[in-house]
């Protein structure tokens, strides 16, 4: 049976593949080392802001960090349920129209 990967597993794998130490990553992201360790040990999830910093520092995408994790499955389910791609597209159009109307 295949082991289910989690955010912590993915973070550790990506970090190791890029030859970045825990200390280096924690410093680059701006968090305490003990928080990074807790994340890799599956005891703590990052905020969206910290997740974004991991993506930037590790030069990866958010899917690579959360694939297989329950968080990923929940986001995927929400996206399918609410067709978020269309929702986002609609919001962007509304934003453009609102900007044009205010000019």
PDB file of N, CA and C in Angstrom:
ATOM      1  N   UNK A   1       0.843  -1.189   0.000  1.00  0.00           N
ATOM      2  CA  UNK A   1       0.000   0.000   0.000  1.00  0.00           C
ATOM      3  C   UNK A   1       0.884   1.248   0.000  1.00  0.00           C
ATOM      4  N   UNK A   2       0.560   2.195  -0.856  1.00  0.00           N
ATOM      5  CA  UNK A   2       1.348   3.424  -0.984  1.00  0.00           C
ATOM      6  C   UNK A   2       1.108   4.338   0.212  1.00  0.00           C
ATOM      7  N   UNK A   3       2.198   4.901   0.738  1.00  0.00           N
ATOM      8  CA  UNK A   3       2.081   5.836   1.851  1.00  0.00           C
ATOM      9  C   UNK A   3       1.490   7.145   1.350  1.00  0.00           C
ATOM     10  N   UNK A   4       0.560   7.677   2.112  1.00  0.00           N
ATOM     11  CA  UNK A   4      -0.043   8.962   1.760  1.00  0.00           C
ATOM     12  C   UNK A   4       0.935  10.065   2.153  1.00  0.00           C
ATOM     13  N   UNK A   5       1.271  10.912   1.180  1.00  0.00           N
ATOM     14  CA  UNK A   5       2.189  12.010   1.431  1.00  0.00           C
ATOM     15  C   UNK A   5       1.425  13.161   2.080  1.00  0.00           C
ATOM     16  N   UNK A   6       2.128  13.914   2.866  1.00  0.00           N
ATOM     17  CA  UNK A   6       1.540  15.081   3.505  1.00  0.00           C
ATOM     18  C   UNK A   6       2.359  16.309   3.155  1.00  0.00           C
ATOM     19  N   UNK A   7       1.844  17.461   3.533  1.00  0.00           N
ATOM     20  CA  UNK A   7       2.587  18.700   3.328  1.00  0.00           C
ATOM     21  C   UNK A   7       3.995  18.579   3.905  1.00  0.00           C
ATOM     22  N   UNK A   8       4.109  18.071   5.120  1.00  0.00           N
ATOM     23  CA  UNK A   8       5.417  17.946   5.769  1.00  0.00           C
ATOM     24  C   UNK A   8       6.377  17.074   4.981  1.00  0.00           C
ATOM     25  N   UNK A   9       5.870  15.943   4.462  1.00  0.00           N
ATOM     26  CA  UNK A   9       6.705  15.062   3.636  1.00  0.00           C
ATOM     27  C   UNK A   9       7.163  15.789   2.379  1.00  0.00           C
ATOM     28  N   UNK A  10       6.221  16.459   1.738  1.00  0.00           N
ATOM     29  CA  UNK A  10       6.539  17.172   0.493  1.00  0.00           C
ATOM     30  C   UNK A  10       7.538  18.294   0.734  1.00  0.00           C
ATOM     31  N   UNK A  11       7.334  19.053   1.794  1.00  0.00           N
ATOM     32  CA  UNK A  11       8.252  20.152   2.118  1.00  0.00           C
ATOM     33  C   UNK A  11       9.660  19.619   2.334  1.00  0.00           C
ATOM     34  N   UNK A  12       9.770  18.565   3.111  1.00  0.00           N
ATOM     35  CA  UNK A  12      11.063  17.966   3.392  1.00  0.00           C
ATOM     36  C   UNK A  12      11.729  17.442   2.116  1.00  0.00           C
ATOM     37  N   UNK A  13      10.958  16.783   1.268  1.00  0.00           N
ATOM     38  CA  UNK A  13      11.496  16.232   0.014  1.00  0.00           C
ATOM     39  C   UNK A  13      11.998  17.326  -0.922  1.00  0.00           C
ATOM     40  N   UNK A  14      11.186  18.366  -1.100  1.00  0.00           N
ATOM     41  CA  UNK A  14      11.577  19.465  -1.999  1.00  0.00           C
ATOM     42  C   UNK A  14      12.798  20.179  -1.442  1.00  0.00           C
ATOM     43  N   UNK A  15      12.796  20.433  -0.149  1.00  0.00           N
ATOM     44  CA  UNK A  15      13.930  21.118   0.490  1.00  0.00           C
ATOM     45  C   UNK A  15      15.212  20.302   0.313  1.00  0.00           C
ATOM     46  N   UNK A  16      15.133  19.003   0.564  1.00  0.00           N
ATOM     47  CA  UNK A  16      16.305  18.129   0.440  1.00  0.00           C
ATOM     48  C   UNK A  16      16.793  18.049  -1.001  1.00  0.00           C
ATOM     49  N   UNK A  17      15.851  17.957  -1.943  1.00  0.00           N
ATOM     50  CA  UNK A  17      16.217  17.870  -3.360  1.00  0.00           C
ATOM     51  C   UNK A  17      16.962  19.122  -3.826  1.00  0.00           C
ATOM     52  N   UNK A  18      16.688  20.233  -3.178  1.00  0.00           N
ATOM     53  CA  UNK A  18      17.341  21.498  -3.556  1.00  0.00           C
ATOM     54  C   UNK A  18      18.569  21.783  -2.695  1.00  0.00           C
ATOM     55  N   UNK A  19      18.946  20.776  -1.876  1.00  0.00           N
ATOM     56  CA  UNK A  19      20.135  20.894  -1.006  1.00  0.00           C
ATOM     57  C   UNK A  19      20.087  22.120  -0.110  1.00  0.00           C
ATOM     58  N   UNK A  20      18.921  22.362   0.480  1.00  0.00           N
ATOM     59  CA  UNK A  20      18.739  23.476   1.413  1.00  0.00           C
ATOM     60  C   UNK A  20      18.545  22.888   2.803  1.00  0.00           C
ATOM     61  N   UNK A  21      19.292  23.388   3.764  1.00  0.00           N
ATOM     62  CA  UNK A  21      19.138  22.895   5.134  1.00  0.00           C
ATOM     63  C   UNK A  21      17.873  23.480   5.755  1.00  0.00           C
ATOM     64  N   UNK A  22      17.445  22.868   6.815  1.00  0.00           N
ATOM     65  CA  UNK A  22      16.293  23.402   7.553  1.00  0.00           C
ATOM     66  C   UNK A  22      16.583  24.827   8.018  1.00  0.00           C
ATOM     67  N   UNK A  23      17.779  25.031   8.515  1.00  0.00           N
ATOM     68  CA  UNK A  23      18.159  26.350   9.029  1.00  0.00           C
ATOM     69  C   UNK A  23      18.104  27.407   7.920  1.00  0.00           C
ATOM     70  N   UNK A  24      18.645  27.054   6.756  1.00  0.00           N
ATOM     71  CA  UNK A  24      18.638  27.989   5.627  1.00  0.00           C
ATOM     72  C   UNK A  24      17.216  28.326   5.190  1.00  0.00           C
ATOM     73  N   UNK A  25      16.357  27.306   5.120  1.00  0.00           N
ATOM     74  CA  UNK A  25      14.984  27.541   4.686  1.00  0.00           C
ATOM     75  C   UNK A  25      14.222  28.383   5.701  1.00  0.00           C
ATOM     76  N   UNK A  26      14.369  28.061   6.969  1.00  0.00           N
ATOM     77  CA  UNK A  26      13.677  28.827   8.013  1.00  0.00           C
ATOM     78  C   UNK A  26      14.083  30.299   7.955  1.00  0.00           C
ATOM     79  N   UNK A  27      15.369  30.554   7.809  1.00  0.00           N
ATOM     80  CA  UNK A  27      15.864  31.925   7.730  1.00  0.00           C
ATOM     81  C   UNK A  27      15.317  32.630   6.491  1.00  0.00           C
ATOM     82  N   UNK A  28      15.366  31.955   5.347  1.00  0.00           N
ATOM     83  CA  UNK A  28      14.912  32.570   4.090  1.00  0.00           C
ATOM     84  C   UNK A  28      13.419  32.881   4.113  1.00  0.00           C
ATOM     85  N   UNK A  29      12.658  32.028   4.782  1.00  0.00           N
ATOM     86  CA  UNK A  29      11.203  32.216   4.836  1.00  0.00           C
ATOM     87  C   UNK A  29      10.822  33.190   5.951  1.00  0.00           C
ATOM     88  N   UNK A  30      11.699  33.319   6.943  1.00  0.00           N
ATOM     89  CA  UNK A  30      11.427  34.245   8.044  1.00  0.00           C
ATOM     90  C   UNK A  30      10.632  33.624   9.177  1.00  0.00           C
ATOM     91  N   UNK A  31      10.875  32.329   9.417  1.00  0.00           N
ATOM     92  CA  UNK A  31      10.212  31.666  10.539  1.00  0.00           C
ATOM     93  C   UNK A  31      11.267  31.050  11.449  1.00  0.00           C
ATOM     94  N   UNK A  32      10.854  30.685  12.631  1.00  0.00           N
ATOM     95  CA  UNK A  32      11.767  30.040  13.572  1.00  0.00           C
ATOM     96  C   UNK A  32      12.000  28.598  13.137  1.00  0.00           C
ATOM     97  N   UNK A  33      13.206  28.106  13.386  1.00  0.00           N
ATOM     98  CA  UNK A  33      13.572  26.745  13.009  1.00  0.00           C
ATOM     99  C   UNK A  33      12.617  25.720  13.610  1.00  0.00           C
ATOM    100  N   UNK A  34      12.235  25.921  14.873  1.00  0.00           N
ATOM    101  CA  UNK A  34      11.354  24.937  15.505  1.00  0.00           C
ATOM    102  C   UNK A  34       9.996  24.847  14.810  1.00  0.00           C
ATOM    103  N   UNK A  35       9.522  25.942  14.233  1.00  0.00           N
ATOM    104  CA  UNK A  35       8.257  25.906  13.490  1.00  0.00           C
ATOM    105  C   UNK A  35       8.408  25.105  12.198  1.00  0.00           C
ATOM    106  N   UNK A  36       9.529  25.277  11.519  1.00  0.00           N
ATOM    107  CA  UNK A  36       9.782  24.499  10.306  1.00  0.00           C
ATOM    108  C   UNK A  36       9.855  23.011  10.633  1.00  0.00           C
ATOM    109  N   UNK A  37      10.529  22.679  11.710  1.00  0.00           N
ATOM    110  CA  UNK A  37      10.631  21.281  12.121  1.00  0.00           C
ATOM    111  C   UNK A  37       9.249  20.710  12.405  1.00  0.00           C
ATOM    112  N   UNK A  38       8.412  21.471  13.102  1.00  0.00           N
ATOM    113  CA  UNK A  38       7.048  21.010  13.384  1.00  0.00           C
ATOM    114  C   UNK A  38       6.259  20.792  12.095  1.00  0.00           C
ATOM    115  N   UNK A  39       6.476  21.642  11.106  1.00  0.00           N
ATOM    116  CA  UNK A  39       5.794  21.475   9.818  1.00  0.00           C
ATOM    117  C   UNK A  39       6.253  20.204   9.121  1.00  0.00           C
ATOM    118  N   UNK A  40       7.555  19.970   9.101  1.00  0.00           N
ATOM    119  CA  UNK A  40       8.067  18.764   8.453  1.00  0.00           C
ATOM    120  C   UNK A  40       7.669  17.505   9.214  1.00  0.00           C
ATOM    121  N   UNK A  41       7.446  17.625  10.506  1.00  0.00           N
ATOM    122  CA  UNK A  41       7.018  16.474  11.317  1.00  0.00           C
ATOM    123  C   UNK A  41       5.497  16.326  11.362  1.00  0.00           C
ATOM    124  N   UNK A  42       4.801  17.085  10.524  1.00  0.00           N
ATOM    125  CA  UNK A  42       3.349  16.981  10.357  1.00  0.00           C
ATOM    126  C   UNK A  42       2.570  17.395  11.605  1.00  0.00           C
ATOM    127  N   UNK A  43       3.116  18.323  12.367  1.00  0.00           N
ATOM    128  CA  UNK A  43       2.454  18.782  13.587  1.00  0.00           C
ATOM    129  C   UNK A  43       1.952  20.207  13.482  1.00  0.00           C
ATOM    130  N   UNK A  44       2.257  20.874  12.355  1.00  0.00           N
ATOM    131  CA  UNK A  44       1.879  22.269  12.179  1.00  0.00           C
ATOM    132  C   UNK A  44       1.743  22.562  10.695  1.00  0.00           C
ATOM    133  N   UNK A  45       0.696  23.291  10.327  1.00  0.00           N
ATOM    134  CA  UNK A  45       0.520  23.744   8.949  1.00  0.00           C
ATOM    135  C   UNK A  45       0.949  25.201   8.844  1.00  0.00           C
ATOM    136  N   UNK A  46       1.455  25.588   7.689  1.00  0.00           N
ATOM    137  CA  UNK A  46       1.820  26.992   7.509  1.00  0.00           C
ATOM    138  C   UNK A  46       0.593  27.846   7.224  1.00  0.00           C
ATOM    139  N   UNK A  47       0.715  29.125   7.479  1.00  0.00           N
ATOM    140  CA  UNK A  47      -0.313  30.056   7.020  1.00  0.00           C
ATOM    141  C   UNK A  47      -0.177  30.169   5.511  1.00  0.00           C
ATOM    142  N   UNK A  48      -1.146  30.753   4.853  1.00  0.00           N
ATOM    143  CA  UNK A  48      -1.056  30.934   3.405  1.00  0.00           C
ATOM    144  C   UNK A  48       0.129  31.844   3.052  1.00  0.00           C
ATOM    145  N   UNK A  49       0.404  32.824   3.887  1.00  0.00           N
ATOM    146  CA  UNK A  49       1.527  33.732   3.652  1.00  0.00           C
ATOM    147  C   UNK A  49       2.855  32.969   3.700  1.00  0.00           C
ATOM    148  N   UNK A  50       3.014  32.099   4.690  1.00  0.00           N
ATOM    149  CA  UNK A  50       4.242  31.310   4.808  1.00  0.00           C
ATOM    150  C   UNK A  50       4.319  30.284   3.683  1.00  0.00           C
ATOM    151  N   UNK A  51       3.193  29.679   3.328  1.00  0.00           N
ATOM    152  CA  UNK A  51       3.166  28.734   2.211  1.00  0.00           C
ATOM    153  C   UNK A  51       3.653  29.421   0.937  1.00  0.00           C
ATOM    154  N   UNK A  52       3.204  30.636   0.731  1.00  0.00           N
ATOM    155  CA  UNK A  52       3.632  31.415  -0.430  1.00  0.00           C
ATOM    156  C   UNK A  52       5.136  31.674  -0.397  1.00  0.00           C
ATOM    157  N   UNK A  53       5.673  31.939   0.781  1.00  0.00           N
ATOM    158  CA  UNK A  53       7.115  32.165   0.907  1.00  0.00           C
ATOM    159  C   UNK A  53       7.891  30.888   0.603  1.00  0.00           C
ATOM    160  N   UNK A  54       7.382  29.733   1.061  1.00  0.00           N
ATOM    161  CA  UNK A  54       8.028  28.458   0.726  1.00  0.00           C
ATOM    162  C   UNK A  54       8.098  28.289  -0.790  1.00  0.00           C
ATOM    163  N   UNK A  55       6.992  28.585  -1.457  1.00  0.00           N
ATOM    164  CA  UNK A  55       6.933  28.460  -2.921  1.00  0.00           C
ATOM    165  C   UNK A  55       7.998  29.345  -3.574  1.00  0.00           C
ATOM    166  N   UNK A  56       8.102  30.580  -3.117  1.00  0.00           N
ATOM    167  CA  UNK A  56       9.082  31.516  -3.685  1.00  0.00           C
ATOM    168  C   UNK A  56      10.518  31.062  -3.423  1.00  0.00           C
ATOM    169  N   UNK A  57      10.814  30.736  -2.188  1.00  0.00           N
ATOM    170  CA  UNK A  57      12.187  30.379  -1.808  1.00  0.00           C
ATOM    171  C   UNK A  57      12.619  29.067  -2.467  1.00  0.00           C
ATOM    172  N   UNK A  58      11.713  28.088  -2.504  1.00  0.00           N
ATOM    173  CA  UNK A  58      12.054  26.778  -3.070  1.00  0.00           C
ATOM    174  C   UNK A  58      11.886  26.730  -4.585  1.00  0.00           C
ATOM    175  N   UNK A  59      11.383  27.814  -5.153  1.00  0.00           N
ATOM    176  CA  UNK A  59      11.151  27.895  -6.604  1.00  0.00           C
ATOM    177  C   UNK A  59      10.359  26.683  -7.099  1.00  0.00           C
ATOM    178  N   UNK A  60       9.213  26.498  -6.458  1.00  0.00           N
ATOM    179  CA  UNK A  60       8.325  25.398  -6.792  1.00  0.00           C
ATOM    180  C   UNK A  60       6.919  25.957  -6.902  1.00  0.00           C
ATOM    181  N   UNK A  61       5.942  25.092  -7.010  1.00  0.00           N
ATOM    182  CA  UNK A  61       4.559  25.578  -7.006  1.00  0.00           C
ATOM    183  C   UNK A  61       3.827  24.980  -5.818  1.00  0.00           C
ATOM    184  N   UNK A  62       2.737  25.602  -5.465  1.00  0.00           N
ATOM    185  CA  UNK A  62       2.005  25.187  -4.273  1.00  0.00           C
ATOM    186  C   UNK A  62       1.518  23.745  -4.392  1.00  0.00           C
ATOM    187  N   UNK A  63       1.168  23.316  -5.598  1.00  0.00           N
ATOM    188  CA  UNK A  63       0.719  21.942  -5.799  1.00  0.00           C
ATOM    189  C   UNK A  63       1.770  20.926  -5.414  1.00  0.00           C
ATOM    190  N   UNK A  64       3.016  21.239  -5.689  1.00  0.00           N
ATOM    191  CA  UNK A  64       4.120  20.338  -5.344  1.00  0.00           C
ATOM    192  C   UNK A  64       4.229  20.170  -3.831  1.00  0.00           C
ATOM    193  N   UNK A  65       3.910  21.217  -3.089  1.00  0.00           N
ATOM    194  CA  UNK A  65       4.023  21.147  -1.632  1.00  0.00           C
ATOM    195  C   UNK A  65       2.808  20.508  -0.965  1.00  0.00           C
ATOM    196  N   UNK A  66       1.640  20.646  -1.560  1.00  0.00           N
ATOM    197  CA  UNK A  66       0.449  20.124  -0.880  1.00  0.00           C
ATOM    198  C   UNK A  66      -0.165  18.893  -1.537  1.00  0.00           C
ATOM    199  N   UNK A  67       0.401  18.426  -2.671  1.00  0.00           N
ATOM    200  CA  UNK A  67      -0.188  17.276  -3.354  1.00  0.00           C
ATOM    201  C   UNK A  67      -0.245  16.071  -2.413  1.00  0.00           C
ATOM    202  N   UNK A  68      -1.364  15.376  -2.474  1.00  0.00           N
ATOM    203  CA  UNK A  68      -1.551  14.196  -1.645  1.00  0.00           C
ATOM    204  C   UNK A  68      -1.994  14.488  -0.226  1.00  0.00           C
ATOM    205  N   UNK A  69      -1.887  15.720   0.196  1.00  0.00           N
ATOM    206  CA  UNK A  69      -2.260  16.103   1.555  1.00  0.00           C
ATOM    207  C   UNK A  69      -3.766  16.313   1.633  1.00  0.00           C
ATOM    208  N   UNK A  70      -4.323  16.144   2.808  1.00  0.00           N
ATOM    209  CA  UNK A  70      -5.758  16.369   3.004  1.00  0.00           C
ATOM    210  C   UNK A  70      -6.135  17.782   2.592  1.00  0.00           C
ATOM    211  N   UNK A  71      -5.261  18.752   2.855  1.00  0.00           N
ATOM    212  CA  UNK A  71      -5.517  20.142   2.470  1.00  0.00           C
ATOM    213  C   UNK A  71      -5.705  20.223   0.955  1.00  0.00           C
ATOM    214  N   UNK A  72      -4.860  19.526   0.198  1.00  0.00           N
ATOM    215  CA  UNK A  72      -4.956  19.523  -1.261  1.00  0.00           C
ATOM    216  C   UNK A  72      -6.288  18.926  -1.701  1.00  0.00           C
ATOM    217  N   UNK A  73      -6.644  17.813  -1.092  1.00  0.00           N
ATOM    218  CA  UNK A  73      -7.892  17.147  -1.461  1.00  0.00           C
ATOM    219  C   UNK A  73      -9.092  18.047  -1.180  1.00  0.00           C
ATOM    220  N   UNK A  74      -9.065  18.759  -0.057  1.00  0.00           N
ATOM    221  CA  UNK A  74     -10.167  19.664   0.272  1.00  0.00           C
ATOM    222  C   UNK A  74     -10.229  20.841  -0.697  1.00  0.00           C
ATOM    223  N   UNK A  75      -9.075  21.404  -1.054  1.00  0.00           N
ATOM    224  CA  UNK A  75      -9.058  22.512  -2.009  1.00  0.00           C
ATOM    225  C   UNK A  75      -9.536  22.057  -3.382  1.00  0.00           C
ATOM    226  N   UNK A  76      -9.114  20.868  -3.794  1.00  0.00           N
ATOM    227  CA  UNK A  76      -9.528  20.335  -5.082  1.00  0.00           C
ATOM    228  C   UNK A  76     -11.042  20.104  -5.101  1.00  0.00           C
ATOM    229  N   UNK A  77     -11.568  19.570  -4.005  1.00  0.00           N
ATOM    230  CA  UNK A  77     -13.008  19.333  -3.902  1.00  0.00           C
ATOM    231  C   UNK A  77     -13.783  20.650  -3.973  1.00  0.00           C
ATOM    232  N   UNK A  78     -13.293  21.667  -3.282  1.00  0.00           N
ATOM    233  CA  UNK A  78     -13.947  22.978  -3.332  1.00  0.00           C
ATOM    234  C   UNK A  78     -13.902  23.570  -4.733  1.00  0.00           C
ATOM    235  N   UNK A  79     -12.743  23.437  -5.380  1.00  0.00           N
ATOM    236  CA  UNK A  79     -12.602  23.979  -6.729  1.00  0.00           C
ATOM    237  C   UNK A  79     -13.591  23.316  -7.681  1.00  0.00           C
ATOM    238  N   UNK A  80     -13.732  22.009  -7.558  1.00  0.00           N
ATOM    239  CA  UNK A  80     -14.681  21.303  -8.420  1.00  0.00           C
ATOM    240  C   UNK A  80     -16.126  21.659  -8.071  1.00  0.00           C
ATOM    241  N   UNK A  81     -16.385  21.727  -6.785  1.00  0.00           N
ATOM    242  CA  UNK A  81     -17.757  21.997  -6.323  1.00  0.00           C
ATOM    243  C   UNK A  81     -18.228  23.379  -6.774  1.00  0.00           C
ATOM    244  N   UNK A  82     -17.367  24.343  -6.667  1.00  0.00           N
ATOM    245  CA  UNK A  82     -17.774  25.711  -6.952  1.00  0.00           C
ATOM    246  C   UNK A  82     -17.237  26.243  -8.275  1.00  0.00           C
ATOM    247  N   UNK A  83     -16.566  25.371  -9.025  1.00  0.00           N
ATOM    248  CA  UNK A  83     -15.998  25.762 -10.311  1.00  0.00           C
ATOM    249  C   UNK A  83     -15.261  27.092 -10.155  1.00  0.00           C
ATOM    250  N   UNK A  84     -14.246  27.063  -9.293  1.00  0.00           N
ATOM    251  CA  UNK A  84     -13.533  28.281  -8.920  1.00  0.00           C
ATOM    252  C   UNK A  84     -12.810  28.952 -10.082  1.00  0.00           C
ATOM    253  N   UNK A  85     -12.448  28.196 -11.094  1.00  0.00           N
ATOM    254  CA  UNK A  85     -11.793  28.826 -12.240  1.00  0.00           C
ATOM    255  C   UNK A  85     -12.748  29.818 -12.891  1.00  0.00           C
ATOM    256  N   UNK A  86     -13.993  29.417 -13.057  1.00  0.00           N
ATOM    257  CA  UNK A  86     -14.978  30.327 -13.636  1.00  0.00           C
ATOM    258  C   UNK A  86     -15.287  31.480 -12.692  1.00  0.00           C
ATOM    259  N   UNK A  87     -15.341  31.185 -11.398  1.00  0.00           N
ATOM    260  CA  UNK A  87     -15.594  32.236 -10.413  1.00  0.00           C
ATOM    261  C   UNK A  87     -14.485  33.276 -10.448  1.00  0.00           C
ATOM    262  N   UNK A  88     -13.232  32.831 -10.472  1.00  0.00           N
ATOM    263  CA  UNK A  88     -12.104  33.750 -10.513  1.00  0.00           C
ATOM    264  C   UNK A  88     -12.139  34.585 -11.789  1.00  0.00           C
ATOM    265  N   UNK A  89     -12.412  33.941 -12.892  1.00  0.00           N
ATOM    266  CA  UNK A  89     -12.501  34.652 -14.161  1.00  0.00           C
ATOM    267  C   UNK A  89     -13.586  35.725 -14.092  1.00  0.00           C
ATOM    268  N   UNK A  90     -14.724  35.372 -13.520  1.00  0.00           N
ATOM    269  CA  UNK A  90     -15.820  36.326 -13.375  1.00  0.00           C
ATOM    270  C   UNK A  90     -15.449  37.495 -12.486  1.00  0.00           C
ATOM    271  N   UNK A  91     -14.747  37.214 -11.389  1.00  0.00           N
ATOM    272  CA  UNK A  91     -14.320  38.281 -10.483  1.00  0.00           C
ATOM    273  C   UNK A  91     -13.324  39.208 -11.162  1.00  0.00           C
ATOM    274  N   UNK A  92     -12.418  38.632 -11.946  1.00  0.00           N
ATOM    275  CA  UNK A  92     -11.452  39.466 -12.656  1.00  0.00           C
ATOM    276  C   UNK A  92     -12.164  40.384 -13.647  1.00  0.00           C
ATOM    277  N   UNK A  93     -13.155  39.854 -14.334  1.00  0.00           N
ATOM    278  CA  UNK A  93     -13.916  40.677 -15.283  1.00  0.00           C
ATOM    279  C   UNK A  93     -14.630  41.802 -14.563  1.00  0.00           C
ATOM    280  N   UNK A  94     -15.230  41.477 -13.414  1.00  0.00           N
ATOM    281  CA  UNK A  94     -15.911  42.499 -12.630  1.00  0.00           C
ATOM    282  C   UNK A  94     -14.937  43.578 -12.181  1.00  0.00           C
ATOM    283  N   UNK A  95     -13.738  43.164 -11.780  1.00  0.00           N
ATOM    284  CA  UNK A  95     -12.722  44.120 -11.355  1.00  0.00           C
ATOM    285  C   UNK A  95     -12.324  45.056 -12.479  1.00  0.00           C
ATOM    286  N   UNK A  96     -12.164  44.506 -13.672  1.00  0.00           N
ATOM    287  CA  UNK A  96     -11.822  45.336 -14.830  1.00  0.00           C
ATOM    288  C   UNK A  96     -12.938  46.295 -15.161  1.00  0.00           C
ATOM    289  N   UNK A  97     -14.159  45.804 -15.101  1.00  0.00           N
ATOM    290  CA  UNK A  97     -15.303  46.661 -15.404  1.00  0.00           C
ATOM    291  C   UNK A  97     -15.436  47.774 -14.368  1.00  0.00           C
ATOM    292  N   UNK A  98     -15.171  47.445 -13.090  1.00  0.00           N
ATOM    293  CA  UNK A  98     -15.255  48.449 -12.036  1.00  0.00           C
ATOM    294  C   UNK A  98     -14.171  49.513 -12.229  1.00  0.00           C
ATOM    295  N   UNK A  99     -12.955  49.085 -12.642  1.00  0.00           N
ATOM    296  CA  UNK A  99     -11.885  50.043 -12.893  1.00  0.00           C
ATOM    297  C   UNK A  99     -12.243  50.978 -14.056  1.00  0.00           C
ATOM    298  N   UNK A 100     -12.799  50.406 -15.104  1.00  0.00           N
ATOM    299  CA  UNK A 100     -13.170  51.221 -16.268  1.00  0.00           C
ATOM    300  C   UNK A 100     -14.270  52.227 -15.900  1.00  0.00           C
ATOM    301  N   UNK A 101     -15.214  51.795 -15.075  1.00  0.00           N
ATOM    302  CA  UNK A 101     -16.321  52.671 -14.707  1.00  0.00           C
ATOM    303  C   UNK A 101     -15.842  53.834 -13.852  1.00  0.00           C
ATOM    304  N   UNK A 102     -14.761  53.626 -13.082  1.00  0.00           N
ATOM    305  CA  UNK A 102     -14.286  54.694 -12.214  1.00  0.00           C
ATOM    306  C   UNK A 102     -13.359  55.672 -12.925  1.00  0.00           C
ATOM    307  N   UNK A 103     -12.983  55.382 -14.171  1.00  0.00           N
ATOM    308  CA  UNK A 103     -12.069  56.270 -14.903  1.00  0.00           C
ATOM    309  C   UNK A 103     -12.769  57.488 -15.439  1.00  0.00           C
TER     310      UNK A 103
END
